[in-house]
PDB file of N, CA and C in Angstrom:
ATOM      1  N   MET A   1      67.412  36.791 -29.808  1.00  0.00           N
ATOM      2  CA  MET A   1      66.737  37.871 -29.127  1.00  0.00           C
ATOM      3  C   MET A   1      67.767  38.862 -28.594  1.00  0.00           C
ATOM      4  N   ILE A   2      67.480  40.125 -28.773  1.00  0.00           N
ATOM      5  CA  ILE A   2      68.369  41.177 -28.307  1.00  0.00           C
ATOM      6  C   ILE A   2      67.941  41.602 -26.909  1.00  0.00           C
ATOM      7  N   ASP A   3      68.922  41.704 -26.031  1.00  0.00           N
ATOM      8  CA  ASP A   3      68.645  42.097 -24.653  1.00  0.00           C
ATOM      9  C   ASP A   3      69.436  43.362 -24.346  1.00  0.00           C
ATOM     10  N   ILE A   4      68.746  44.489 -24.332  1.00  0.00           N
ATOM     11  CA  ILE A   4      69.382  45.764 -24.016  1.00  0.00           C
ATOM     12  C   ILE A   4      68.739  46.311 -22.754  1.00  0.00           C
ATOM     13  N   LYS A   5      69.577  46.680 -21.805  1.00  0.00           N
ATOM     14  CA  LYS A   5      69.097  47.266 -20.555  1.00  0.00           C
ATOM     15  C   LYS A   5      69.600  48.698 -20.478  1.00  0.00           C
ATOM     16  N   ILE A   6      68.812  49.548 -19.891  1.00  0.00           N
ATOM     17  CA  ILE A   6      69.218  50.934 -19.691  1.00  0.00           C
ATOM     18  C   ILE A   6      69.468  51.132 -18.201  1.00  0.00           C
ATOM     19  N   LYS A   7      70.626  51.725 -17.929  1.00  0.00           N
ATOM     20  CA  LYS A   7      71.026  51.890 -16.545  1.00  0.00           C
ATOM     21  C   LYS A   7      71.777  53.209 -16.417  1.00  0.00           C
ATOM     22  N   ARG A   8      71.600  53.898 -15.328  1.00  0.00           N
ATOM     23  CA  ARG A   8      72.337  55.138 -15.094  1.00  0.00           C
ATOM     24  C   ARG A   8      73.785  54.812 -14.721  1.00  0.00           C
ATOM     25  N   ILE A   9      74.693  55.636 -15.165  1.00  0.00           N
ATOM     26  CA  ILE A   9      76.113  55.438 -14.881  1.00  0.00           C
ATOM     27  C   ILE A   9      76.392  55.510 -13.383  1.00  0.00           C
ATOM     28  N   TYR A  10      75.521  56.178 -12.636  1.00  0.00           N
ATOM     29  CA  TYR A  10      75.720  56.343 -11.196  1.00  0.00           C
ATOM     30  C   TYR A  10      75.290  55.115 -10.398  1.00  0.00           C
ATOM     31  N   GLU A  11      74.626  54.161 -11.054  1.00  0.00           N
ATOM     32  CA  GLU A  11      74.258  52.914 -10.386  1.00  0.00           C
ATOM     33  C   GLU A  11      75.465  51.981 -10.385  1.00  0.00           C
ATOM     34  N   ASP A  12      75.563  51.149  -9.368  1.00  0.00           N
ATOM     35  CA  ASP A  12      76.670  50.203  -9.287  1.00  0.00           C
ATOM     36  C   ASP A  12      76.628  49.219 -10.447  1.00  0.00           C
ATOM     37  N   ALA A  13      77.814  48.853 -10.911  1.00  0.00           N
ATOM     38  CA  ALA A  13      77.915  47.827 -11.947  1.00  0.00           C
ATOM     39  C   ALA A  13      77.574  46.475 -11.336  1.00  0.00           C
ATOM     40  N   SER A  14      77.034  45.601 -12.166  1.00  0.00           N
ATOM     41  CA  SER A  14      76.667  44.258 -11.726  1.00  0.00           C
ATOM     42  C   SER A  14      77.219  43.255 -12.725  1.00  0.00           C
ATOM     43  N   LYS A  15      77.541  42.068 -12.263  1.00  0.00           N
ATOM     44  CA  LYS A  15      78.037  41.050 -13.192  1.00  0.00           C
ATOM     45  C   LYS A  15      76.954  40.643 -14.187  1.00  0.00           C
ATOM     46  N   ASN A  16      75.696  40.955 -13.890  1.00  0.00           N
ATOM     47  CA  ASN A  16      74.591  40.649 -14.799  1.00  0.00           C
ATOM     48  C   ASN A  16      74.365  41.735 -15.849  1.00  0.00           C
ATOM     49  N   ASP A  17      75.155  42.797 -15.818  1.00  0.00           N
ATOM     50  CA  ASP A  17      74.975  43.901 -16.762  1.00  0.00           C
ATOM     51  C   ASP A  17      75.320  43.513 -18.195  1.00  0.00           C
ATOM     52  N   GLY A  18      76.224  42.602 -18.364  1.00  0.00           N
ATOM     53  CA  GLY A  18      76.675  42.276 -19.716  1.00  0.00           C
ATOM     54  C   GLY A  18      77.654  43.329 -20.217  1.00  0.00           C
ATOM     55  N   PHE A  19      77.688  43.533 -21.527  1.00  0.00           N
ATOM     56  CA  PHE A  19      78.580  44.495 -22.166  1.00  0.00           C
ATOM     57  C   PHE A  19      78.073  45.899 -21.851  1.00  0.00           C
ATOM     58  N   ARG A  20      78.896  46.682 -21.171  1.00  0.00           N
ATOM     59  CA  ARG A  20      78.458  48.005 -20.698  1.00  0.00           C
ATOM     60  C   ARG A  20      78.941  49.114 -21.633  1.00  0.00           C
ATOM     61  N   ILE A  21      77.966  49.879 -22.152  1.00  0.00           N
ATOM     62  CA  ILE A  21      78.259  50.976 -23.076  1.00  0.00           C
ATOM     63  C   ILE A  21      77.680  52.263 -22.509  1.00  0.00           C
ATOM     64  N   LEU A  22      78.504  53.290 -22.431  1.00  0.00           N
ATOM     65  CA  LEU A  22      78.020  54.617 -22.055  1.00  0.00           C
ATOM     66  C   LEU A  22      77.594  55.334 -23.326  1.00  0.00           C
ATOM     67  N   VAL A  23      76.355  55.828 -23.341  1.00  0.00           N
ATOM     68  CA  VAL A  23      75.845  56.609 -24.469  1.00  0.00           C
ATOM     69  C   VAL A  23      75.616  58.025 -23.953  1.00  0.00           C
ATOM     70  N   ASP A  24      76.628  58.852 -24.108  1.00  0.00           N
ATOM     71  CA  ASP A  24      76.569  60.248 -23.680  1.00  0.00           C
ATOM     72  C   ASP A  24      77.727  60.970 -24.344  1.00  0.00           C
ATOM     73  N   ARG A  25      77.540  62.205 -24.710  1.00  0.00           N
ATOM     74  CA  ARG A  25      78.621  62.964 -25.354  1.00  0.00           C
ATOM     75  C   ARG A  25      79.607  63.522 -24.340  1.00  0.00           C
ATOM     76  N   ILE A  26      79.145  63.695 -23.122  1.00  0.00           N
ATOM     77  CA  ILE A  26      79.977  64.291 -22.075  1.00  0.00           C
ATOM     78  C   ILE A  26      80.194  63.254 -20.979  1.00  0.00           C
ATOM     79  N   TRP A  27      81.436  63.155 -20.509  1.00  0.00           N
ATOM     80  CA  TRP A  27      81.708  62.216 -19.420  1.00  0.00           C
ATOM     81  C   TRP A  27      80.971  62.696 -18.169  1.00  0.00           C
ATOM     82  N   PRO A  28      80.279  61.781 -17.469  1.00  0.00           N
ATOM     83  CA  PRO A  28      79.494  62.160 -16.291  1.00  0.00           C
ATOM     84  C   PRO A  28      80.359  62.669 -15.135  1.00  0.00           C
ATOM     85  N   ARG A  29      79.880  63.715 -14.509  1.00  0.00           N
ATOM     86  CA  ARG A  29      80.597  64.306 -13.372  1.00  0.00           C
ATOM     87  C   ARG A  29      80.662  63.330 -12.214  1.00  0.00           C
ATOM     88  N   GLY A  30      81.796  63.333 -11.551  1.00  0.00           N
ATOM     89  CA  GLY A  30      81.942  62.552 -10.333  1.00  0.00           C
ATOM     90  C   GLY A  30      82.162  61.069 -10.542  1.00  0.00           C
ATOM     91  N   VAL A  31      82.347  60.640 -11.786  1.00  0.00           N
ATOM     92  CA  VAL A  31      82.565  59.215 -12.064  1.00  0.00           C
ATOM     93  C   VAL A  31      83.915  59.061 -12.758  1.00  0.00           C
ATOM     94  N   SER A  32      84.803  58.303 -12.157  1.00  0.00           N
ATOM     95  CA  SER A  32      86.091  58.061 -12.804  1.00  0.00           C
ATOM     96  C   SER A  32      85.915  56.980 -13.865  1.00  0.00           C
ATOM     97  N   LYS A  33      86.769  56.995 -14.857  1.00  0.00           N
ATOM     98  CA  LYS A  33      86.677  55.976 -15.909  1.00  0.00           C
ATOM     99  C   LYS A  33      86.887  54.584 -15.328  1.00  0.00           C
ATOM    100  N   LYS A  34      87.716  54.488 -14.302  1.00  0.00           N
ATOM    101  CA  LYS A  34      87.946  53.195 -13.656  1.00  0.00           C
ATOM    102  C   LYS A  34      86.685  52.713 -12.941  1.00  0.00           C
ATOM    103  N   ASP A  35      86.053  53.608 -12.192  1.00  0.00           N
ATOM    104  CA  ASP A  35      84.863  53.231 -11.424  1.00  0.00           C
ATOM    105  C   ASP A  35      83.650  52.942 -12.304  1.00  0.00           C
ATOM    106  N   ALA A  36      83.634  53.505 -13.510  1.00  0.00           N
ATOM    107  CA  ALA A  36      82.485  53.311 -14.404  1.00  0.00           C
ATOM    108  C   ALA A  36      82.367  51.863 -14.880  1.00  0.00           C
ATOM    109  N   LYS A  37      83.478  51.170 -14.933  1.00  0.00           N
ATOM    110  CA  LYS A  37      83.501  49.765 -15.358  1.00  0.00           C
ATOM    111  C   LYS A  37      82.778  49.572 -16.695  1.00  0.00           C
ATOM    112  N   LEU A  38      83.156  50.394 -17.669  1.00  0.00           N
ATOM    113  CA  LEU A  38      82.550  50.334 -18.994  1.00  0.00           C
ATOM    114  C   LEU A  38      83.386  49.498 -19.942  1.00  0.00           C
ATOM    115  N   ASP A  39      82.713  48.949 -20.933  1.00  0.00           N
ATOM    116  CA  ASP A  39      83.406  48.262 -22.015  1.00  0.00           C
ATOM    117  C   ASP A  39      83.644  49.212 -23.182  1.00  0.00           C
ATOM    118  N   GLU A  40      82.765  50.209 -23.302  1.00  0.00           N
ATOM    119  CA  GLU A  40      82.893  51.144 -24.417  1.00  0.00           C
ATOM    120  C   GLU A  40      82.129  52.429 -24.119  1.00  0.00           C
ATOM    121  N   TRP A  41      82.582  53.511 -24.746  1.00  0.00           N
ATOM    122  CA  TRP A  41      81.903  54.797 -24.662  1.00  0.00           C
ATOM    123  C   TRP A  41      81.523  55.190 -26.077  1.00  0.00           C
ATOM    124  N   MET A  42      80.230  55.148 -26.394  1.00  0.00           N
ATOM    125  CA  MET A  42      79.742  55.481 -27.738  1.00  0.00           C
ATOM    126  C   MET A  42      79.112  56.879 -27.722  1.00  0.00           C
ATOM    127  N   LYS A  43      79.949  57.897 -27.700  1.00  0.00           N
ATOM    128  CA  LYS A  43      79.403  59.253 -27.637  1.00  0.00           C
ATOM    129  C   LYS A  43      78.735  59.681 -28.934  1.00  0.00           C
ATOM    130  N   GLU A  44      79.115  59.051 -30.059  1.00  0.00           N
ATOM    131  CA  GLU A  44      78.566  59.443 -31.359  1.00  0.00           C
ATOM    132  C   GLU A  44      77.076  59.140 -31.480  1.00  0.00           C
ATOM    133  N   ILE A  45      76.580  58.167 -30.713  1.00  0.00           N
ATOM    134  CA  ILE A  45      75.176  57.776 -30.811  1.00  0.00           C
ATOM    135  C   ILE A  45      74.286  58.560 -29.839  1.00  0.00           C
ATOM    136  N   ALA A  46      74.880  59.324 -28.976  1.00  0.00           N
ATOM    137  CA  ALA A  46      74.126  60.153 -28.023  1.00  0.00           C
ATOM    138  C   ALA A  46      73.503  61.345 -28.751  1.00  0.00           C
ATOM    139  N   PRO A  47      72.514  61.983 -28.143  1.00  0.00           N
ATOM    140  CA  PRO A  47      71.940  63.185 -28.761  1.00  0.00           C
ATOM    141  C   PRO A  47      73.027  64.222 -29.045  1.00  0.00           C
ATOM    142  N   SER A  48      72.878  64.925 -30.160  1.00  0.00           N
ATOM    143  CA  SER A  48      73.863  65.939 -30.540  1.00  0.00           C
ATOM    144  C   SER A  48      73.951  67.028 -29.469  1.00  0.00           C
ATOM    145  N   THR A  49      75.066  67.712 -29.467  1.00  0.00           N
ATOM    146  CA  THR A  49      75.262  68.810 -28.526  1.00  0.00           C
ATOM    147  C   THR A  49      74.176  69.865 -28.710  1.00  0.00           C
ATOM    148  N   GLU A  50      73.850  70.166 -29.962  1.00  0.00           N
ATOM    149  CA  GLU A  50      72.821  71.168 -30.241  1.00  0.00           C
ATOM    150  C   GLU A  50      71.470  70.745 -29.668  1.00  0.00           C
ATOM    151  N   LEU A  51      71.108  69.475 -29.872  1.00  0.00           N
ATOM    152  CA  LEU A  51      69.828  68.980 -29.375  1.00  0.00           C
ATOM    153  C   LEU A  51      69.809  68.975 -27.845  1.00  0.00           C
ATOM    154  N   ARG A  52      70.890  68.540 -27.255  1.00  0.00           N
ATOM    155  CA  ARG A  52      70.973  68.505 -25.793  1.00  0.00           C
ATOM    156  C   ARG A  52      70.824  69.909 -25.202  1.00  0.00           C
ATOM    157  N   LYS A  53      71.493  70.886 -25.819  1.00  0.00           N
ATOM    158  CA  LYS A  53      71.399  72.265 -25.325  1.00  0.00           C
ATOM    159  C   LYS A  53      69.985  72.806 -25.495  1.00  0.00           C
ATOM    160  N   TRP A  54      69.360  72.485 -26.633  1.00  0.00           N
ATOM    161  CA  TRP A  54      67.987  72.936 -26.861  1.00  0.00           C
ATOM    162  C   TRP A  54      67.041  72.346 -25.816  1.00  0.00           C
ATOM    163  N   PHE A  55      67.177  71.065 -25.531  1.00  0.00           N
ATOM    164  CA  PHE A  55      66.312  70.384 -24.570  1.00  0.00           C
ATOM    165  C   PHE A  55      66.449  71.003 -23.181  1.00  0.00           C
ATOM    166  N   ASP A  56      67.681  71.188 -22.734  1.00  0.00           N
ATOM    167  CA  ASP A  56      67.981  71.880 -21.473  1.00  0.00           C
ATOM    168  C   ASP A  56      67.232  71.296 -20.271  1.00  0.00           C
ATOM    169  N   HIS A  57      66.969  69.996 -20.293  1.00  0.00           N
ATOM    170  CA  HIS A  57      66.284  69.281 -19.202  1.00  0.00           C
ATOM    171  C   HIS A  57      64.908  69.863 -18.871  1.00  0.00           C
ATOM    172  N   LYS A  58      64.253  70.446 -19.862  1.00  0.00           N
ATOM    173  CA  LYS A  58      62.911  71.011 -19.660  1.00  0.00           C
ATOM    174  C   LYS A  58      61.877  69.951 -20.022  1.00  0.00           C
ATOM    175  N   GLU A  59      61.126  69.522 -19.020  1.00  0.00           N
ATOM    176  CA  GLU A  59      60.162  68.429 -19.203  1.00  0.00           C
ATOM    177  C   GLU A  59      59.181  68.683 -20.335  1.00  0.00           C
ATOM    178  N   ASP A  60      58.756  69.918 -20.506  1.00  0.00           N
ATOM    179  CA  ASP A  60      57.772  70.214 -21.541  1.00  0.00           C
ATOM    180  C   ASP A  60      58.340  70.063 -22.951  1.00  0.00           C
ATOM    181  N   ARG A  61      59.646  69.928 -23.071  1.00  0.00           N
ATOM    182  CA  ARG A  61      60.280  69.734 -24.374  1.00  0.00           C
ATOM    183  C   ARG A  61      60.596  68.266 -24.671  1.00  0.00           C
ATOM    184  N   PHE A  62      60.322  67.380 -23.720  1.00  0.00           N
ATOM    185  CA  PHE A  62      60.779  66.000 -23.888  1.00  0.00           C
ATOM    186  C   PHE A  62      60.183  65.317 -25.112  1.00  0.00           C
ATOM    187  N   ALA A  63      58.901  65.462 -25.354  1.00  0.00           N
ATOM    188  CA  ALA A  63      58.271  64.794 -26.504  1.00  0.00           C
ATOM    189  C   ALA A  63      58.932  65.234 -27.810  1.00  0.00           C
ATOM    190  N   GLU A  64      59.190  66.516 -27.946  1.00  0.00           N
ATOM    191  CA  GLU A  64      59.844  67.025 -29.156  1.00  0.00           C
ATOM    192  C   GLU A  64      61.308  66.589 -29.200  1.00  0.00           C
ATOM    193  N   PHE A  65      61.961  66.584 -28.048  1.00  0.00           N
ATOM    194  CA  PHE A  65      63.343  66.097 -27.958  1.00  0.00           C
ATOM    195  C   PHE A  65      63.430  64.661 -28.461  1.00  0.00           C
ATOM    196  N   GLU A  66      62.499  63.832 -28.006  1.00  0.00           N
ATOM    197  CA  GLU A  66      62.482  62.427 -28.398  1.00  0.00           C
ATOM    198  C   GLU A  66      62.344  62.285 -29.920  1.00  0.00           C
ATOM    199  N   LYS A  67      61.441  63.029 -30.515  1.00  0.00           N
ATOM    200  CA  LYS A  67      61.250  62.987 -31.975  1.00  0.00           C
ATOM    201  C   LYS A  67      62.522  63.405 -32.706  1.00  0.00           C
ATOM    202  N   LYS A  68      63.130  64.477 -32.230  1.00  0.00           N
ATOM    203  CA  LYS A  68      64.346  64.986 -32.874  1.00  0.00           C
ATOM    204  C   LYS A  68      65.508  64.006 -32.714  1.00  0.00           C
ATOM    205  N   TYR A  69      65.592  63.377 -31.562  1.00  0.00           N
ATOM    206  CA  TYR A  69      66.669  62.405 -31.339  1.00  0.00           C
ATOM    207  C   TYR A  69      66.484  61.186 -32.236  1.00  0.00           C
ATOM    208  N   TYR A  70      65.260  60.696 -32.349  1.00  0.00           N
ATOM    209  CA  TYR A  70      65.002  59.575 -33.264  1.00  0.00           C
ATOM    210  C   TYR A  70      65.386  59.943 -34.691  1.00  0.00           C
ATOM    211  N   LYS A  71      65.136  61.175 -35.090  1.00  0.00           N
ATOM    212  CA  LYS A  71      65.513  61.638 -36.426  1.00  0.00           C
ATOM    213  C   LYS A  71      67.035  61.598 -36.572  1.00  0.00           C
ATOM    214  N   GLU A  72      67.739  62.042 -35.540  1.00  0.00           N
ATOM    215  CA  GLU A  72      69.205  61.966 -35.579  1.00  0.00           C
ATOM    216  C   GLU A  72      69.660  60.522 -35.745  1.00  0.00           C
ATOM    217  N   LEU A  73      69.035  59.612 -35.012  1.00  0.00           N
ATOM    218  CA  LEU A  73      69.412  58.200 -35.103  1.00  0.00           C
ATOM    219  C   LEU A  73      69.103  57.626 -36.482  1.00  0.00           C
ATOM    220  N   GLU A  74      67.984  58.033 -37.073  1.00  0.00           N
ATOM    221  CA  GLU A  74      67.634  57.570 -38.422  1.00  0.00           C
ATOM    222  C   GLU A  74      68.699  57.967 -39.434  1.00  0.00           C
ATOM    223  N   ASN A  75      69.345  59.089 -39.200  1.00  0.00           N
ATOM    224  CA  ASN A  75      70.385  59.572 -40.107  1.00  0.00           C
ATOM    225  C   ASN A  75      71.740  58.914 -39.867  1.00  0.00           C
ATOM    226  N   ARG A  76      71.837  58.055 -38.849  1.00  0.00           N
ATOM    227  CA  ARG A  76      73.100  57.371 -38.533  1.00  0.00           C
ATOM    228  C   ARG A  76      72.874  55.876 -38.321  1.00  0.00           C
ATOM    229  N   PRO A  77      72.324  55.172 -39.316  1.00  0.00           N
ATOM    230  CA  PRO A  77      72.002  53.753 -39.130  1.00  0.00           C
ATOM    231  C   PRO A  77      73.222  52.891 -38.802  1.00  0.00           C
ATOM    232  N   GLU A  78      74.385  53.312 -39.241  1.00  0.00           N
ATOM    233  CA  GLU A  78      75.591  52.527 -38.959  1.00  0.00           C
ATOM    234  C   GLU A  78      75.873  52.463 -37.456  1.00  0.00           C
ATOM    235  N   LEU A  79      75.519  53.512 -36.732  1.00  0.00           N
ATOM    236  CA  LEU A  79      75.724  53.505 -35.283  1.00  0.00           C
ATOM    237  C   LEU A  79      74.752  52.555 -34.594  1.00  0.00           C
ATOM    238  N   ILE A  80      73.516  52.524 -35.077  1.00  0.00           N
ATOM    239  CA  ILE A  80      72.526  51.593 -34.530  1.00  0.00           C
ATOM    240  C   ILE A  80      72.985  50.162 -34.785  1.00  0.00           C
ATOM    241  N   GLU A  81      73.462  49.894 -35.993  1.00  0.00           N
ATOM    242  CA  GLU A  81      73.957  48.550 -36.324  1.00  0.00           C
ATOM    243  C   GLU A  81      75.112  48.157 -35.413  1.00  0.00           C
ATOM    244  N   GLU A  82      76.033  49.085 -35.196  1.00  0.00           N
ATOM    245  CA  GLU A  82      77.180  48.818 -34.322  1.00  0.00           C
ATOM    246  C   GLU A  82      76.715  48.497 -32.903  1.00  0.00           C
ATOM    247  N   LEU A  83      75.762  49.260 -32.407  1.00  0.00           N
ATOM    248  CA  LEU A  83      75.233  49.030 -31.064  1.00  0.00           C
ATOM    249  C   LEU A  83      74.537  47.672 -30.977  1.00  0.00           C
ATOM    250  N   LEU A  84      73.727  47.349 -31.962  1.00  0.00           N
ATOM    251  CA  LEU A  84      72.995  46.078 -31.952  1.00  0.00           C
ATOM    252  C   LEU A  84      73.930  44.870 -32.019  1.00  0.00           C
ATOM    253  N   LYS A  85      75.051  45.007 -32.690  1.00  0.00           N
ATOM    254  CA  LYS A  85      76.024  43.908 -32.752  1.00  0.00           C
ATOM    255  C   LYS A  85      76.595  43.594 -31.372  1.00  0.00           C
ATOM    256  N   LYS A  86      76.591  44.577 -30.498  1.00  0.00           N
ATOM    257  CA  LYS A  86      77.172  44.396 -29.165  1.00  0.00           C
ATOM    258  C   LYS A  86      76.140  43.973 -28.131  1.00  0.00           C
ATOM    259  N   ALA A  87      74.868  43.981 -28.535  1.00  0.00           N
ATOM    260  CA  ALA A  87      73.781  43.633 -27.601  1.00  0.00           C
ATOM    261  C   ALA A  87      73.730  42.136 -27.351  1.00  0.00           C
TER     262      ALA A  87
END
């Protein structure tokens, strides 16, 4: 069974987190790499820069953003496989 949890980088790390992966193209503001306590940063699997800019945190675009992001992921199955191996 695969156990994947989603957690914001701004939340404290916990020993129960397991293998910690940041999925974002841009390093989060105000968080040092030391304080993040990450095992890996997989920026390639995050939404593309173009998609992120288009979305622009507009709630009314979220449903379309989600569809477009899934399409991006479908085009990069090797990244999904890599992520699942670490779960």
